[in-house]
Amino acid sequence: MATPYQNPQRRGSLPLGIVLGVVVGAILVMFAWFALFDDADSATPGPTPTSAQPSDPVESPDPAESPEPEESPTPEATPDESAEPGDESVPGITTELPVGTWVTVLDSLPQGSVSAEQAIARAAELSQPDHTAIVIDANRFEGLNRNYWAVVIPGAESRAASNAVCKAIGLPVGNNCYPREIKGLR
């Protein structure tokens, strides 16, 4: 028989309580992290390729691919050869924009695996009646990740105006639609 001065029988388990406390703590830390550091206006594209990836692998696959188009009509080989990163003569690729203007980035395509023609086709897919997307060679502009074709809507005068373009075309500001300032030419 239990008297009022005796401790009641314990229920539960100390290890279970510790595990639940750790899980709840981790969830709270995750929410705090996103609340403090997740800013949709400063979203960035995927990771930048390492220096070992873009130089050698980018140049070696392009020559390997060019013999196949040469077997078909020869004029196709000329644009493929000119699609190498840093070449200014690719028709349809923009290499100059006014410094200080903003672009709304819709897609970033690696130059090592996507041809200039494929990037231009992607820009045509993403264009809308009041917002024409173009392709820029990111190697030519300060503030953009090198070795990418950037599919952008140019002409915004500020970050806010670029964000407004995302909203106007029905995309949330984030990884698939984000502003970038043209800081200069490389």
C-alpha atoms as a PDB file:
ATOM      1  CA  MET A   1       0.000   0.000   0.000  1.00  0.00           C
ATOM      2  CA  ALA A   2       1.366   3.402  -0.962  1.00  0.00           C
ATOM      3  CA  THR A   3       1.418   6.172   1.562  1.00  0.00           C
ATOM      4  CA  PRO A   4       1.134   9.824   0.556  1.00  0.00           C
ATOM      5  CA  TYR A   5       4.817  10.297   1.372  1.00  0.00           C
ATOM      6  CA  GLN A   6       6.082   7.680  -1.040  1.00  0.00           C
ATOM      7  CA  ASN A   7       7.138   8.532  -4.637  1.00  0.00           C
ATOM      8  CA  PRO A   8       4.614   7.426  -7.241  1.00  0.00           C
ATOM      9  CA  GLN A   9       5.662   4.774  -9.699  1.00  0.00           C
ATOM     10  CA  ARG A  10       7.558   6.241 -12.700  1.00  0.00           C
ATOM     11  CA  ARG A  11       6.183   5.953 -16.189  1.00  0.00           C
ATOM     12  CA  GLY A  12       8.038   6.349 -19.465  1.00  0.00           C
ATOM     13  CA  SER A  13      11.629   5.949 -20.384  1.00  0.00           C
ATOM     14  CA  LEU A  14      14.591   8.295 -20.000  1.00  0.00           C
ATOM     15  CA  PRO A  15      16.236   7.208 -23.301  1.00  0.00           C
ATOM     16  CA  LEU A  16      12.992   7.827 -25.202  1.00  0.00           C
ATOM     17  CA  GLY A  17      12.716  11.285 -23.663  1.00  0.00           C
ATOM     18  CA  ILE A  18      16.277  12.131 -24.660  1.00  0.00           C
ATOM     19  CA  VAL A  19      15.704  10.996 -28.272  1.00  0.00           C
ATOM     20  CA  LEU A  20      12.491  12.998 -28.524  1.00  0.00           C
ATOM     21  CA  GLY A  21      14.223  16.045 -27.073  1.00  0.00           C
ATOM     22  CA  VAL A  22      17.046  15.813 -29.627  1.00  0.00           C
ATOM     23  CA  VAL A  23      14.578  15.458 -32.533  1.00  0.00           C
ATOM     24  CA  VAL A  24      12.491  18.435 -31.391  1.00  0.00           C
ATOM     25  CA  GLY A  25      15.664  20.475 -30.850  1.00  0.00           C
ATOM     26  CA  ALA A  26      16.923  19.663 -34.361  1.00  0.00           C
ATOM     27  CA  ILE A  27      13.609  20.709 -35.886  1.00  0.00           C
ATOM     28  CA  LEU A  28      13.667  24.003 -33.986  1.00  0.00           C
ATOM     29  CA  VAL A  29      17.240  24.700 -35.108  1.00  0.00           C
ATOM     30  CA  MET A  30      16.249  23.975 -38.731  1.00  0.00           C
ATOM     31  CA  PHE A  31      13.303  26.388 -38.575  1.00  0.00           C
ATOM     32  CA  ALA A  32      15.460  29.062 -36.959  1.00  0.00           C
ATOM     33  CA  TRP A  33      18.122  28.605 -39.672  1.00  0.00           C
ATOM     34  CA  PHE A  34      15.611  29.053 -42.492  1.00  0.00           C
ATOM     35  CA  ALA A  35      13.972  32.006 -40.773  1.00  0.00           C
ATOM     36  CA  LEU A  36      17.286  33.813 -40.318  1.00  0.00           C
ATOM     37  CA  PHE A  37      19.268  32.834 -43.408  1.00  0.00           C
ATOM     38  CA  ASP A  38      16.840  31.824 -46.168  1.00  0.00           C
ATOM     39  CA  ASP A  39      16.261  34.978 -48.248  1.00  0.00           C
ATOM     40  CA  ALA A  40      14.399  34.336 -51.498  1.00  0.00           C
ATOM     41  CA  ASP A  41      15.789  37.579 -52.966  1.00  0.00           C
ATOM     42  CA  SER A  42      19.329  36.315 -52.610  1.00  0.00           C
ATOM     43  CA  ALA A  43      18.762  32.838 -54.026  1.00  0.00           C
ATOM     44  CA  THR A  44      21.650  31.486 -56.038  1.00  0.00           C
ATOM     45  CA  PRO A  45      21.909  28.862 -58.724  1.00  0.00           C
ATOM     46  CA  GLY A  46      23.338  25.428 -58.154  1.00  0.00           C
ATOM     47  CA  PRO A  47      26.924  24.882 -57.133  1.00  0.00           C
ATOM     48  CA  THR A  48      29.705  26.381 -59.179  1.00  0.00           C
ATOM     49  CA  PRO A  49      31.792  23.777 -60.973  1.00  0.00           C
ATOM     50  CA  THR A  50      35.237  23.178 -59.553  1.00  0.00           C
ATOM     51  CA  SER A  51      38.274  24.432 -61.406  1.00  0.00           C
ATOM     52  CA  ALA A  52      39.198  20.880 -62.417  1.00  0.00           C
ATOM     53  CA  GLN A  53      35.911  20.300 -64.232  1.00  0.00           C
ATOM     54  CA  PRO A  54      35.416  23.139 -66.715  1.00  0.00           C
ATOM     55  CA  SER A  55      38.829  23.480 -68.406  1.00  0.00           C
ATOM     56  CA  ASP A  56      39.886  20.090 -69.717  1.00  0.00           C
ATOM     57  CA  PRO A  57      36.563  18.185 -69.945  1.00  0.00           C
ATOM     58  CA  VAL A  58      34.793  21.107 -71.637  1.00  0.00           C
ATOM     59  CA  GLU A  59      37.325  21.381 -74.434  1.00  0.00           C
ATOM     60  CA  SER A  60      37.826  17.678 -75.105  1.00  0.00           C
ATOM     61  CA  PRO A  61      34.151  16.648 -75.691  1.00  0.00           C
ATOM     62  CA  ASP A  62      33.465  19.481 -78.161  1.00  0.00           C
ATOM     63  CA  PRO A  63      36.035  18.318 -80.750  1.00  0.00           C
ATOM     64  CA  ALA A  64      34.812  14.740 -80.305  1.00  0.00           C
ATOM     65  CA  GLU A  65      31.258  15.829 -81.095  1.00  0.00           C
ATOM     66  CA  SER A  66      32.126  17.946 -84.122  1.00  0.00           C
ATOM     67  CA  PRO A  67      33.096  15.023 -86.441  1.00  0.00           C
ATOM     68  CA  GLU A  68      29.549  13.637 -86.304  1.00  0.00           C
ATOM     69  CA  PRO A  69      27.925  16.856 -87.599  1.00  0.00           C
ATOM     70  CA  GLU A  70      30.642  17.128 -90.287  1.00  0.00           C
ATOM     71  CA  GLU A  71      29.407  13.862 -91.777  1.00  0.00           C
ATOM     72  CA  SER A  72      26.069  15.544 -92.347  1.00  0.00           C
ATOM     73  CA  PRO A  73      26.003  19.064 -93.850  1.00  0.00           C
ATOM     74  CA  THR A  74      29.239  20.965 -93.227  1.00  0.00           C
ATOM     75  CA  PRO A  75      27.561  24.284 -92.225  1.00  0.00           C
ATOM     76  CA  GLU A  76      26.455  22.681 -88.931  1.00  0.00           C
ATOM     77  CA  ALA A  77      30.078  22.103 -87.945  1.00  0.00           C
ATOM     78  CA  THR A  78      30.877  25.820 -88.047  1.00  0.00           C
ATOM     79  CA  PRO A  79      28.348  26.872 -85.348  1.00  0.00           C
ATOM     80  CA  ASP A  80      29.357  23.923 -83.123  1.00  0.00           C
ATOM     81  CA  GLU A  81      33.008  24.954 -83.334  1.00  0.00           C
ATOM     82  CA  SER A  82      32.084  28.543 -82.489  1.00  0.00           C
ATOM     83  CA  ALA A  83      30.080  27.409 -79.442  1.00  0.00           C
ATOM     84  CA  GLU A  84      33.212  26.993 -77.357  1.00  0.00           C
ATOM     85  CA  PRO A  85      33.161  29.102 -74.164  1.00  0.00           C
ATOM     86  CA  GLY A  86      34.498  32.607 -74.601  1.00  0.00           C
ATOM     87  CA  ASP A  87      33.946  32.766 -78.378  1.00  0.00           C
ATOM     88  CA  GLU A  88      32.256  36.055 -79.231  1.00  0.00           C
ATOM     89  CA  SER A  89      31.036  35.083 -82.712  1.00  0.00           C
ATOM     90  CA  VAL A  90      28.141  32.803 -81.714  1.00  0.00           C
ATOM     91  CA  PRO A  91      24.982  34.224 -83.301  1.00  0.00           C
ATOM     92  CA  GLY A  92      22.190  34.629 -80.779  1.00  0.00           C
ATOM     93  CA  ILE A  93      24.483  34.796 -77.719  1.00  0.00           C
ATOM     94  CA  THR A  94      24.669  38.209 -76.046  1.00  0.00           C
ATOM     95  CA  THR A  95      28.126  39.249 -74.876  1.00  0.00           C
ATOM     96  CA  GLU A  96      27.451  42.875 -73.857  1.00  0.00           C
ATOM     97  CA  LEU A  97      24.882  44.479 -71.535  1.00  0.00           C
ATOM     98  CA  PRO A  98      24.899  47.878 -69.810  1.00  0.00           C
ATOM     99  CA  VAL A  99      26.827  47.863 -66.525  1.00  0.00           C
ATOM    100  CA  GLY A 100      24.567  48.430 -63.522  1.00  0.00           C
ATOM    101  CA  THR A 101      21.462  46.914 -65.078  1.00  0.00           C
ATOM    102  CA  TRP A 102      19.826  43.799 -63.719  1.00  0.00           C
ATOM    103  CA  VAL A 103      18.847  40.572 -65.443  1.00  0.00           C
ATOM    104  CA  THR A 104      16.320  38.006 -64.302  1.00  0.00           C
ATOM    105  CA  VAL A 105      17.982  34.588 -64.549  1.00  0.00           C
ATOM    106  CA  LEU A 106      15.624  31.794 -65.591  1.00  0.00           C
ATOM    107  CA  ASP A 107      18.131  29.018 -66.256  1.00  0.00           C
ATOM    108  CA  SER A 108      21.886  28.333 -66.145  1.00  0.00           C
ATOM    109  CA  LEU A 109      23.163  25.751 -68.605  1.00  0.00           C
ATOM    110  CA  PRO A 110      26.711  24.343 -68.431  1.00  0.00           C
ATOM    111  CA  GLN A 111      28.646  25.227 -71.562  1.00  0.00           C
ATOM    112  CA  GLY A 112      30.501  21.905 -71.443  1.00  0.00           C
ATOM    113  CA  SER A 113      27.376  19.848 -72.035  1.00  0.00           C
ATOM    114  CA  VAL A 114      24.914  22.289 -73.621  1.00  0.00           C
ATOM    115  CA  SER A 115      25.583  23.865 -77.003  1.00  0.00           C
ATOM    116  CA  ALA A 116      24.855  27.500 -77.774  1.00  0.00           C
ATOM    117  CA  GLU A 117      22.031  26.396 -80.072  1.00  0.00           C
ATOM    118  CA  GLN A 118      20.438  24.340 -77.283  1.00  0.00           C
ATOM    119  CA  ALA A 119      20.681  27.326 -74.931  1.00  0.00           C
ATOM    120  CA  ILE A 120      19.027  29.571 -77.524  1.00  0.00           C
ATOM    121  CA  ALA A 121      16.229  27.013 -77.931  1.00  0.00           C
ATOM    122  CA  ARG A 122      15.762  26.987 -74.138  1.00  0.00           C
ATOM    123  CA  ALA A 123      15.483  30.793 -74.145  1.00  0.00           C
ATOM    124  CA  ALA A 124      12.775  30.561 -76.810  1.00  0.00           C
ATOM    125  CA  GLU A 125      10.887  28.048 -74.613  1.00  0.00           C
ATOM    126  CA  LEU A 126      11.039  30.350 -71.578  1.00  0.00           C
ATOM    127  CA  SER A 127      10.097  33.553 -73.445  1.00  0.00           C
ATOM    128  CA  GLN A 128       6.642  34.989 -72.922  1.00  0.00           C
ATOM    129  CA  PRO A 129       4.812  37.642 -74.951  1.00  0.00           C
ATOM    130  CA  ASP A 130       5.910  40.604 -72.801  1.00  0.00           C
ATOM    131  CA  HIS A 131       9.197  39.081 -71.584  1.00  0.00           C
ATOM    132  CA  THR A 132      11.710  37.859 -74.166  1.00  0.00           C
ATOM    133  CA  ALA A 133      14.459  35.653 -72.775  1.00  0.00           C
ATOM    134  CA  ILE A 134      17.959  35.837 -74.261  1.00  0.00           C
ATOM    135  CA  VAL A 135      21.156  33.847 -73.728  1.00  0.00           C
ATOM    136  CA  ILE A 136      24.262  35.491 -72.352  1.00  0.00           C
ATOM    137  CA  ASP A 137      27.743  34.042 -72.105  1.00  0.00           C
ATOM    138  CA  ALA A 138      28.382  34.204 -68.352  1.00  0.00           C
ATOM    139  CA  ASN A 139      32.145  34.160 -69.000  1.00  0.00           C
ATOM    140  CA  ARG A 140      31.845  37.702 -70.329  1.00  0.00           C
ATOM    141  CA  PHE A 141      30.151  39.273 -67.269  1.00  0.00           C
ATOM    142  CA  GLU A 142      31.340  40.011 -63.735  1.00  0.00           C
ATOM    143  CA  GLY A 143      29.021  38.650 -61.047  1.00  0.00           C
ATOM    144  CA  LEU A 144      27.933  35.533 -62.965  1.00  0.00           C
ATOM    145  CA  ASN A 145      29.233  31.978 -62.639  1.00  0.00           C
ATOM    146  CA  ARG A 146      31.756  31.137 -65.351  1.00  0.00           C
ATOM    147  CA  ASN A 147      31.281  28.429 -67.971  1.00  0.00           C
ATOM    148  CA  TYR A 148      27.498  28.743 -68.165  1.00  0.00           C
ATOM    149  CA  TRP A 149      24.999  29.958 -70.697  1.00  0.00           C
ATOM    150  CA  ALA A 150      22.607  32.107 -68.661  1.00  0.00           C
ATOM    151  CA  VAL A 151      19.038  32.314 -69.959  1.00  0.00           C
ATOM    152  CA  VAL A 152      17.883  35.734 -68.785  1.00  0.00           C
ATOM    153  CA  ILE A 153      15.297  38.441 -69.234  1.00  0.00           C
ATOM    154  CA  PRO A 154      17.329  41.666 -69.425  1.00  0.00           C
ATOM    155  CA  GLY A 155      16.441  45.265 -68.733  1.00  0.00           C
ATOM    156  CA  ALA A 156      15.505  45.498 -65.057  1.00  0.00           C
ATOM    157  CA  GLU A 157      16.759  48.625 -63.301  1.00  0.00           C
ATOM    158  CA  SER A 158      16.899  47.150 -59.782  1.00  0.00           C
ATOM    159  CA  ARG A 159      16.693  43.946 -57.776  1.00  0.00           C
ATOM    160  CA  ALA A 160      13.062  44.718 -56.997  1.00  0.00           C
ATOM    161  CA  ALA A 161      12.250  45.205 -60.692  1.00  0.00           C
ATOM    162  CA  SER A 162      13.944  41.897 -61.501  1.00  0.00           C
ATOM    163  CA  ASN A 163      11.940  40.159 -58.766  1.00  0.00           C
ATOM    164  CA  ALA A 164       8.798  41.727 -60.247  1.00  0.00           C
ATOM    165  CA  VAL A 165       9.653  40.065 -63.580  1.00  0.00           C
ATOM    166  CA  CYS A 166       9.646  36.662 -61.830  1.00  0.00           C
ATOM    167  CA  LYS A 167       6.218  37.385 -60.411  1.00  0.00           C
ATOM    168  CA  ALA A 168       4.933  38.718 -63.766  1.00  0.00           C
ATOM    169  CA  ILE A 169       5.858  35.500 -65.558  1.00  0.00           C
ATOM    170  CA  GLY A 170       4.396  33.352 -62.787  1.00  0.00           C
ATOM    171  CA  LEU A 171       7.585  32.063 -61.143  1.00  0.00           C
ATOM    172  CA  PRO A 172       8.466  32.442 -57.482  1.00  0.00           C
ATOM    173  CA  VAL A 173      11.724  34.209 -56.703  1.00  0.00           C
ATOM    174  CA  GLY A 174      14.170  31.447 -55.834  1.00  0.00           C
ATOM    175  CA  ASN A 175      16.333  28.859 -57.538  1.00  0.00           C
ATOM    176  CA  ASN A 176      14.467  28.989 -60.882  1.00  0.00           C
ATOM    177  CA  CYS A 177      14.053  32.760 -61.125  1.00  0.00           C
ATOM    178  CA  TYR A 178      16.409  35.217 -59.480  1.00  0.00           C
ATOM    179  CA  PRO A 179      18.016  38.641 -60.045  1.00  0.00           C
ATOM    180  CA  ARG A 180      21.654  39.325 -60.939  1.00  0.00           C
ATOM    181  CA  GLU A 181      23.340  42.665 -61.437  1.00  0.00           C
ATOM    182  CA  ILE A 182      25.599  43.188 -64.455  1.00  0.00           C
ATOM    183  CA  LYS A 183      28.710  44.466 -62.699  1.00  0.00           C
ATOM    184  CA  GLY A 184      30.962  44.767 -65.741  1.00  0.00           C
ATOM    185  CA  LEU A 185      32.602  42.896 -68.553  1.00  0.00           C
ATOM    186  CA  ARG A 186      35.426  40.440 -68.075  1.00  0.00           C
END
